[in-house]
C-alpha atoms as a PDB file:
ATOM      1  CA  SER A   1       9.326   8.079  12.940  1.00  0.00           C
ATOM      2  CA  ILE A   2       5.805   9.355  10.958  1.00  0.00           C
ATOM      3  CA  SER A   3       2.563   9.477  12.980  1.00  0.00           C
ATOM      4  CA  ILE A   4      -0.385   8.483  11.426  1.00  0.00           C
ATOM      5  CA  ASP A   5      -3.093   9.657  13.983  1.00  0.00           C
ATOM      6  CA  ASP A   6      -3.133  13.754  14.368  1.00  0.00           C
ATOM      7  CA  LYS A   7      -3.919  15.051  18.032  1.00  0.00           C
ATOM      8  CA  SER A   8      -5.135  18.224  16.400  1.00  0.00           C
ATOM      9  CA  LYS A   9      -8.353  16.163  15.375  1.00  0.00           C
ATOM     10  CA  ARG A  10      -8.259  14.092  18.537  1.00  0.00           C
ATOM     11  CA  GLU A  11      -7.171  11.373  16.914  1.00  0.00           C
ATOM     12  CA  THR A  12      -6.127   8.106  18.590  1.00  0.00           C
ATOM     13  CA  LEU A  13      -4.293   4.780  17.226  1.00  0.00           C
ATOM     14  CA  GLN A  14      -5.574   1.989  18.608  1.00  0.00           C
ATOM     15  CA  HIS A  15      -3.880  -1.175  17.381  1.00  0.00           C
ATOM     16  CA  GLY A  16      -5.217  -3.938  16.069  1.00  0.00           C
ATOM     17  CA  GLY A  17      -4.450  -6.383  18.917  1.00  0.00           C
ATOM     18  CA  ASP A  18      -6.150  -3.985  21.188  1.00  0.00           C
ATOM     19  CA  TRP A  19      -9.195  -4.627  19.837  1.00  0.00           C
ATOM     20  CA  LEU A  20      -8.861  -8.549  19.461  1.00  0.00           C
ATOM     21  CA  ALA A  21      -7.939  -8.781  23.285  1.00  0.00           C
ATOM     22  CA  ARG A  22     -10.753  -6.869  24.135  1.00  0.00           C
ATOM     23  CA  LEU A  23     -12.652 -10.104  23.173  1.00  0.00           C
ATOM     24  CA  LYS A  24     -10.066 -12.818  23.515  1.00  0.00           C
ATOM     25  CA  PRO A  25      -8.363 -11.267  27.174  1.00  0.00           C
ATOM     26  CA  ASP A  26      -5.807 -14.761  26.121  1.00  0.00           C
ATOM     27  CA  TYR A  27      -5.296 -13.387  22.638  1.00  0.00           C
ATOM     28  CA  ASP A  28      -1.256 -13.772  22.705  1.00  0.00           C
ATOM     29  CA  ARG A  29       0.532 -10.650  21.352  1.00  0.00           C
ATOM     30  CA  LYS A  30       3.567 -12.461  20.796  1.00  0.00           C
ATOM     31  CA  THR A  31       3.083 -15.309  18.530  1.00  0.00           C
ATOM     32  CA  GLY A  32      -0.213 -13.433  16.830  1.00  0.00           C
ATOM     33  CA  LYS A  33      -1.219 -17.612  16.279  1.00  0.00           C
ATOM     34  CA  ASP A  34      -5.154 -16.311  16.601  1.00  0.00           C
ATOM     35  CA  HIS A  35      -4.388 -14.021  14.145  1.00  0.00           C
ATOM     36  CA  SER A  36      -7.860 -14.983  11.854  1.00  0.00           C
ATOM     37  CA  VAL A  37     -10.108 -13.197   9.177  1.00  0.00           C
ATOM     38  CA  GLN A  38     -12.717 -14.200  11.748  1.00  0.00           C
ATOM     39  CA  LEU A  39     -11.493 -13.304  15.098  1.00  0.00           C
ATOM     40  CA  ILE A  40     -10.599  -9.695  12.919  1.00  0.00           C
ATOM     41  CA  ARG A  41     -14.192  -9.440  11.355  1.00  0.00           C
ATOM     42  CA  GLN A  42     -15.641 -10.327  14.473  1.00  0.00           C
ATOM     43  CA  ALA A  43     -13.168  -7.653  16.805  1.00  0.00           C
ATOM     44  CA  ILE A  44     -14.422  -4.670  14.343  1.00  0.00           C
ATOM     45  CA  ASP A  45     -16.979  -5.235  13.426  1.00  0.00           C
ATOM     46  CA  SER A  46     -19.297  -1.652  14.913  1.00  0.00           C
ATOM     47  CA  THR A  47     -16.769  -0.242  13.223  1.00  0.00           C
ATOM     48  CA  GLY A  48     -17.552  -0.981   9.836  1.00  0.00           C
ATOM     49  CA  ASP A  49     -14.288  -0.927   8.736  1.00  0.00           C
ATOM     50  CA  TYR A  50     -13.685  -4.104   7.409  1.00  0.00           C
ATOM     51  CA  ARG A  51     -13.596  -3.395   4.077  1.00  0.00           C
ATOM     52  CA  LEU A  52     -11.111  -1.005   3.953  1.00  0.00           C
ATOM     53  CA  LEU A  53      -8.611  -3.817   5.711  1.00  0.00           C
ATOM     54  CA  PHE A  54      -9.827  -6.272   3.583  1.00  0.00           C
ATOM     55  CA  GLU A  55      -8.420  -3.495   1.161  1.00  0.00           C
ATOM     56  CA  GLN A  56      -5.444  -3.710   3.112  1.00  0.00           C
ATOM     57  CA  PHE A  57      -5.097  -7.930   2.459  1.00  0.00           C
ATOM     58  CA  VAL A  58      -5.350  -7.456  -1.279  1.00  0.00           C
ATOM     59  CA  PHE A  59      -2.157  -4.453  -1.257  1.00  0.00           C
ATOM     60  CA  ASP A  60      -0.126  -6.915   0.531  1.00  0.00           C
ATOM     61  CA  ALA A  61      -1.200 -10.211  -1.605  1.00  0.00           C
ATOM     62  CA  ILE A  62       0.184  -7.266  -4.101  1.00  0.00           C
ATOM     63  CA  ILE A  63       3.534  -6.346  -3.014  1.00  0.00           C
ATOM     64  CA  GLY A  64       4.388  -9.502  -1.167  1.00  0.00           C
ATOM     65  CA  ASN A  65       3.912  -8.330   2.461  1.00  0.00           C
ATOM     66  CA  SER A  66       4.016 -10.902   4.758  1.00  0.00           C
ATOM     67  CA  ASP A  67       4.070  -9.147   8.738  1.00  0.00           C
ATOM     68  CA  ARG A  68       0.165  -7.364   8.626  1.00  0.00           C
ATOM     69  CA  HIS A  69       0.172  -9.058  12.007  1.00  0.00           C
ATOM     70  CA  GLN A  70      -2.559  -7.241  14.619  1.00  0.00           C
ATOM     71  CA  ASP A  71      -0.068  -3.761  15.904  1.00  0.00           C
ATOM     72  CA  ASN A  72       0.536  -3.234  12.386  1.00  0.00           C
ATOM     73  CA  TRP A  73      -3.532  -2.270  11.396  1.00  0.00           C
ATOM     74  CA  ALA A  74      -4.714   0.144  13.316  1.00  0.00           C
ATOM     75  CA  ILE A  75      -8.226   1.329  14.210  1.00  0.00           C
ATOM     76  CA  LYS A  76      -8.786   5.661  14.874  1.00  0.00           C
ATOM     77  CA  ALA A  77     -10.567   6.735  17.850  1.00  0.00           C
ATOM     78  CA  ILE A  78     -11.751  10.045  17.104  1.00  0.00           C
ATOM     79  CA  GLY A  79     -13.589  12.279  19.619  1.00  0.00           C
ATOM     80  CA  PRO A  80     -14.860  12.720  22.106  1.00  0.00           C
ATOM     81  CA  ASP A  81     -17.608  15.021  21.724  1.00  0.00           C
ATOM     82  CA  ARG A  82     -19.936  16.989  23.120  1.00  0.00           C
ATOM     83  CA  ALA A  83     -22.284  13.540  24.129  1.00  0.00           C
ATOM     84  CA  SER A  84     -18.794  12.091  24.679  1.00  0.00           C
ATOM     85  CA  ARG A  85     -19.093   9.673  22.013  1.00  0.00           C
ATOM     86  CA  TYR A  86     -16.256   7.841  19.788  1.00  0.00           C
ATOM     87  CA  ARG A  87     -16.440   7.408  16.014  1.00  0.00           C
ATOM     88  CA  TYR A  88     -14.009   4.761  14.624  1.00  0.00           C
ATOM     89  CA  GLU A  89     -12.162   4.838  11.014  1.00  0.00           C
ATOM     90  CA  LEU A  90      -9.683   2.345  10.007  1.00  0.00           C
ATOM     91  CA  ALA A  91      -5.502   3.915  10.044  1.00  0.00           C
ATOM     92  CA  GLU A  92      -3.524   4.084   6.805  1.00  0.00           C
ATOM     93  CA  ALA A  93      -1.851   1.128   6.025  1.00  0.00           C
ATOM     94  CA  PHE A  94       1.689   1.525   7.793  1.00  0.00           C
ATOM     95  CA  ASP A  95       4.626  -0.761   8.125  1.00  0.00           C
ATOM     96  CA  ASN A  96       4.575  -1.994   4.953  1.00  0.00           C
ATOM     97  CA  GLY A  97       8.473  -3.251   4.228  1.00  0.00           C
ATOM     98  CA  SER A  98       8.401  -6.605   4.678  1.00  0.00           C
ATOM     99  CA  SER A  99       7.535  -6.728   0.513  1.00  0.00           C
ATOM    100  CA  LEU A 100       9.149  -6.318  -2.304  1.00  0.00           C
ATOM    101  CA  ALA A 101      11.096  -9.305  -2.135  1.00  0.00           C
ATOM    102  CA  ARG A 102      13.812  -7.731   0.213  1.00  0.00           C
ATOM    103  CA  GLU A 103      14.800 -10.911   1.252  1.00  0.00           C
ATOM    104  CA  LEU A 104      16.145 -11.795  -1.756  1.00  0.00           C
ATOM    105  CA  LEU A 105      19.697 -11.592  -2.795  1.00  0.00           C
ATOM    106  CA  ASP A 106      20.360 -10.290  -6.613  1.00  0.00           C
ATOM    107  CA  ASP A 107      21.909 -13.554  -7.206  1.00  0.00           C
ATOM    108  CA  LYS A 108      18.437 -15.255  -6.682  1.00  0.00           C
ATOM    109  CA  VAL A 109      16.418 -11.989  -8.673  1.00  0.00           C
ATOM    110  CA  GLU A 110      18.428 -12.767 -11.649  1.00  0.00           C
ATOM    111  CA  ALA A 111      17.175 -17.038 -11.140  1.00  0.00           C
ATOM    112  CA  CYS A 112      13.666 -16.237 -10.695  1.00  0.00           C
ATOM    113  CA  LEU A 113      14.082 -13.215 -14.036  1.00  0.00           C
ATOM    114  CA  ARG A 114      16.151 -16.585 -15.853  1.00  0.00           C
ATOM    115  CA  ASP A 115      13.790 -19.559 -14.888  1.00  0.00           C
ATOM    116  CA  LYS A 116       9.970 -18.731 -14.444  1.00  0.00           C
ATOM    117  CA  SER A 117       9.498 -22.025 -12.653  1.00  0.00           C
ATOM    118  CA  GLN A 118      11.624 -20.202  -9.499  1.00  0.00           C
ATOM    119  CA  PHE A 119      10.121 -17.290 -10.043  1.00  0.00           C
ATOM    120  CA  ARG A 120       6.319 -18.675  -9.718  1.00  0.00           C
ATOM    121  CA  ALA A 121       7.408 -20.934  -6.718  1.00  0.00           C
ATOM    122  CA  TYR A 122       8.873 -17.485  -5.240  1.00  0.00           C
ATOM    123  CA  ILE A 123       5.092 -16.150  -5.520  1.00  0.00           C
ATOM    124  CA  ASP A 124       3.735 -19.362  -4.315  1.00  0.00           C
ATOM    125  CA  ARG A 125       5.470 -19.267  -0.985  1.00  0.00           C
ATOM    126  CA  GLY A 126       4.164 -16.150   0.335  1.00  0.00           C
ATOM    127  CA  LYS A 127       2.177 -16.027   3.064  1.00  0.00           C
ATOM    128  CA  PRO A 128       0.862 -13.250   4.718  1.00  0.00           C
ATOM    129  CA  HIS A 129       0.503 -13.297   8.932  1.00  0.00           C
ATOM    130  CA  VAL A 130      -3.347 -13.595   9.291  1.00  0.00           C
ATOM    131  CA  ARG A 131      -5.248 -16.894   9.061  1.00  0.00           C
ATOM    132  CA  TRP A 132      -7.639 -18.149   7.962  1.00  0.00           C
ATOM    133  CA  GLU A 133     -10.450 -20.234  10.255  1.00  0.00           C
ATOM    134  CA  ALA A 134     -11.768 -23.511   9.029  1.00  0.00           C
ATOM    135  CA  ASP A 135     -13.531 -25.791  11.393  1.00  0.00           C
ATOM    136  CA  GLY A 136     -12.326 -24.630  14.609  1.00  0.00           C
ATOM    137  CA  GLU A 137      -8.103 -24.780  12.957  1.00  0.00           C
ATOM    138  CA  LEU A 138      -6.756 -22.273  11.470  1.00  0.00           C
ATOM    139  CA  GLN A 139      -4.594 -22.389   8.900  1.00  0.00           C
ATOM    140  CA  HIS A 140      -1.642 -20.206   7.288  1.00  0.00           C
ATOM    141  CA  LEU A 141      -2.179 -19.906   3.875  1.00  0.00           C
ATOM    142  CA  SER A 142      -0.983 -18.054   0.733  1.00  0.00           C
ATOM    143  CA  HIS A 143      -2.069 -14.487  -0.520  1.00  0.00           C
ATOM    144  CA  GLU A 144      -3.628 -15.698  -2.739  1.00  0.00           C
ATOM    145  CA  GLU A 145      -5.828 -18.078  -1.054  1.00  0.00           C
ATOM    146  CA  LEU A 146      -6.594 -16.659   1.288  1.00  0.00           C
ATOM    147  CA  ILE A 147      -8.133 -13.413  -0.824  1.00  0.00           C
ATOM    148  CA  TRP A 148      -9.956 -16.332  -2.238  1.00  0.00           C
ATOM    149  CA  ARG A 149     -11.851 -17.611   0.654  1.00  0.00           C
ATOM    150  CA  GLN A 150     -12.970 -13.998   1.544  1.00  0.00           C
ATOM    151  CA  LEU A 151     -14.215 -13.286  -1.534  1.00  0.00           C
ATOM    152  CA  LYS A 152     -16.278 -17.010  -1.309  1.00  0.00           C
ATOM    153  CA  ALA A 153     -16.976 -16.288   2.211  1.00  0.00           C
ATOM    154  CA  PHE A 154     -17.830 -12.491   2.531  1.00  0.00           C
ATOM    155  CA  PRO A 155     -19.538 -11.631  -1.674  1.00  0.00           C
ATOM    156  CA  GLU A 156     -19.782  -7.544  -0.675  1.00  0.00           C
ATOM    157  CA  LEU A 157     -15.691  -7.312  -1.318  1.00  0.00           C
ATOM    158  CA  ARG A 158     -15.985  -8.224  -4.771  1.00  0.00           C
ATOM    159  CA  PRO A 159     -15.972  -5.390  -5.835  1.00  0.00           C
ATOM    160  CA  SER A 160     -13.289  -3.997  -3.715  1.00  0.00           C
ATOM    161  CA  LEU A 161     -10.974  -6.642  -4.959  1.00  0.00           C
ATOM    162  CA  GLU A 162     -12.050  -5.228  -8.398  1.00  0.00           C
ATOM    163  CA  ARG A 163     -11.194  -1.931  -7.186  1.00  0.00           C
ATOM    164  CA  ILE A 164      -7.901  -2.193  -6.436  1.00  0.00           C
ATOM    165  CA  VAL A 165      -6.791  -4.638  -9.079  1.00  0.00           C
ATOM    166  CA  THR A 166      -7.739  -2.977 -12.143  1.00  0.00           C
ATOM    167  CA  PHE A 167      -4.553  -0.247 -10.768  1.00  0.00           C
ATOM    168  CA  ASP A 168      -3.159   1.853 -13.730  1.00  0.00           C
ATOM    169  CA  GLU A 169      -0.447  -0.085 -14.923  1.00  0.00           C
ATOM    170  CA  PRO A 170       2.055   2.475 -16.484  1.00  0.00           C
ATOM    171  CA  SER A 171       1.911   4.448 -13.551  1.00  0.00           C
ATOM    172  CA  MET A 172       3.068   1.723 -11.320  1.00  0.00           C
ATOM    173  CA  VAL A 173       6.146   0.966 -13.727  1.00  0.00           C
ATOM    174  CA  ARG A 174       6.870   3.775 -13.789  1.00  0.00           C
ATOM    175  CA  ALA A 175       6.890   4.504  -9.907  1.00  0.00           C
ATOM    176  CA  ILE A 176       9.015   1.579  -9.763  1.00  0.00           C
ATOM    177  CA  GLU A 177      11.019   3.172 -12.271  1.00  0.00           C
ATOM    178  CA  ARG A 178      11.810   6.065 -10.221  1.00  0.00           C
ATOM    179  CA  VAL A 179      11.995   4.356  -7.131  1.00  0.00           C
ATOM    180  CA  CYS A 180      14.952   2.572  -8.143  1.00  0.00           C
ATOM    181  CA  GLN A 181      16.792   5.465 -10.861  1.00  0.00           C
ATOM    182  CA  PHE A 182      16.619   7.444  -7.515  1.00  0.00           C
ATOM    183  CA  SER A 183      18.646   4.169  -5.975  1.00  0.00           C
ATOM    184  CA  ARG A 184      21.470   4.426  -8.479  1.00  0.00           C
ATOM    185  CA  ILE A 185      21.667   9.013  -8.003  1.00  0.00           C
ATOM    186  CA  TRP A 186      21.886   8.729  -4.874  1.00  0.00           C
ATOM    187  CA  THR A 187      24.882   6.633  -3.900  1.00  0.00           C
ATOM    188  CA  GLY A 188      27.306   6.548  -1.258  1.00  0.00           C
ATOM    189  CA  GLU A 189      24.728   6.668   1.182  1.00  0.00           C
ATOM    190  CA  GLU A 190      24.216   3.422   3.626  1.00  0.00           C
ATOM    191  CA  ASP A 191      20.724   3.171   3.856  1.00  0.00           C
ATOM    192  CA  CYS A 192      19.938   4.063  -0.170  1.00  0.00           C
ATOM    193  CA  PRO A 193      21.910   0.687  -1.679  1.00  0.00           C
ATOM    194  CA  VAL A 194      21.296   0.830  -5.604  1.00  0.00           C
ATOM    195  CA  ILE A 195      18.993  -1.140  -6.806  1.00  0.00           C
ATOM    196  CA  SER A 196      20.336  -2.905 -10.213  1.00  0.00           C
ATOM    197  CA  SER A 197      17.990  -2.843 -13.505  1.00  0.00           C
ATOM    198  CA  ALA A 198      17.814  -6.346 -12.935  1.00  0.00           C
ATOM    199  CA  ARG A 199      15.995  -6.257  -9.836  1.00  0.00           C
ATOM    200  CA  GLU A 200      13.841  -2.527 -11.076  1.00  0.00           C
ATOM    201  CA  GLU A 201      12.423  -5.121 -14.314  1.00  0.00           C
ATOM    202  CA  PHE A 202      11.793  -8.489 -11.488  1.00  0.00           C
ATOM    203  CA  LEU A 203       9.725  -5.894  -9.692  1.00  0.00           C
ATOM    204  CA  THR A 204       7.787  -4.649 -12.354  1.00  0.00           C
ATOM    205  CA  ARG A 205       7.119  -8.146 -12.867  1.00  0.00           C
ATOM    206  CA  LEU A 206       7.220  -9.771  -9.481  1.00  0.00           C
ATOM    207  CA  VAL A 207       3.867  -6.611  -9.279  1.00  0.00           C
ATOM    208  CA  LEU A 208       2.195  -7.652 -11.938  1.00  0.00           C
ATOM    209  CA  GLU A 209       1.814 -11.346 -11.837  1.00  0.00           C
ATOM    210  CA  ARG A 210       0.453 -11.119  -8.185  1.00  0.00           C
ATOM    211  CA  ARG A 211      -1.562  -8.431  -9.856  1.00  0.00           C
ATOM    212  CA  ASP A 212      -2.637 -10.916 -12.239  1.00  0.00           C
ATOM    213  CA  ARG A 213      -3.418 -13.418 -10.400  1.00  0.00           C
ATOM    214  CA  LEU A 214      -5.890 -11.451  -8.161  1.00  0.00           C
ATOM    215  CA  ALA A 215      -7.807 -10.375 -11.401  1.00  0.00           C
ATOM    216  CA  ARG A 216      -8.452 -13.751 -12.360  1.00  0.00           C
ATOM    217  CA  LEU A 217     -10.032 -14.772  -9.286  1.00  0.00           C
ATOM    218  CA  GLN A 218     -12.844 -12.837  -9.574  1.00  0.00           C
ATOM    219  CA  HIS A 219     -13.356 -14.958 -13.130  1.00  0.00           C
ATOM    220  CA  ARG A 220     -13.717 -18.324 -10.970  1.00  0.00           C
ATOM    221  CA  PRO A 221     -16.748 -20.122 -10.094  1.00  0.00           C
ATOM    222  CA  TYR A 222     -18.163 -19.127  -6.329  1.00  0.00           C
END
């Protein structure tokens, strides 16, 4: 396993669930049913890091990550200093594996490549773990809709979306290509299945389509 906290810098990782439970003592960490944008913002407001967590949510929307639950994001507590004070920083994005159509078998991937309606429907079905609270109810929205709700409610987040969706497209395509080519070279290893050329094409189209959908949100009237 890889640690994302640095003991030499006196960093301690505190999972999101820890912060939410301080604010809501009856928070159910088993189901995470109260895992909402509003609760998260309230819980970590003192760190000033919600903008950075929103950027992780945008990243999730691009790769289709459905598993950013309360213990798959975290805050680093750094210190104490000489005055016994701590400062807090959002930890890097981790545990991003429930993404990039990992659950689709090759025949479904090929079907989505042939049929645009299946391709679009697959994207539409994707939902993040975090919810949106409205009128006292928690709504489980699509990635795209959850980002849109946040842009409307918190306009200060709009530059973050713009920055992320303007990533260098050729570099992204080359990164997918390299990983897929590596899988074909590193054959015979159980933990490294061969990624077909069809899946490589599908992943490229998937990431770009999700990116483009988010980019269009910038032009929707608020």
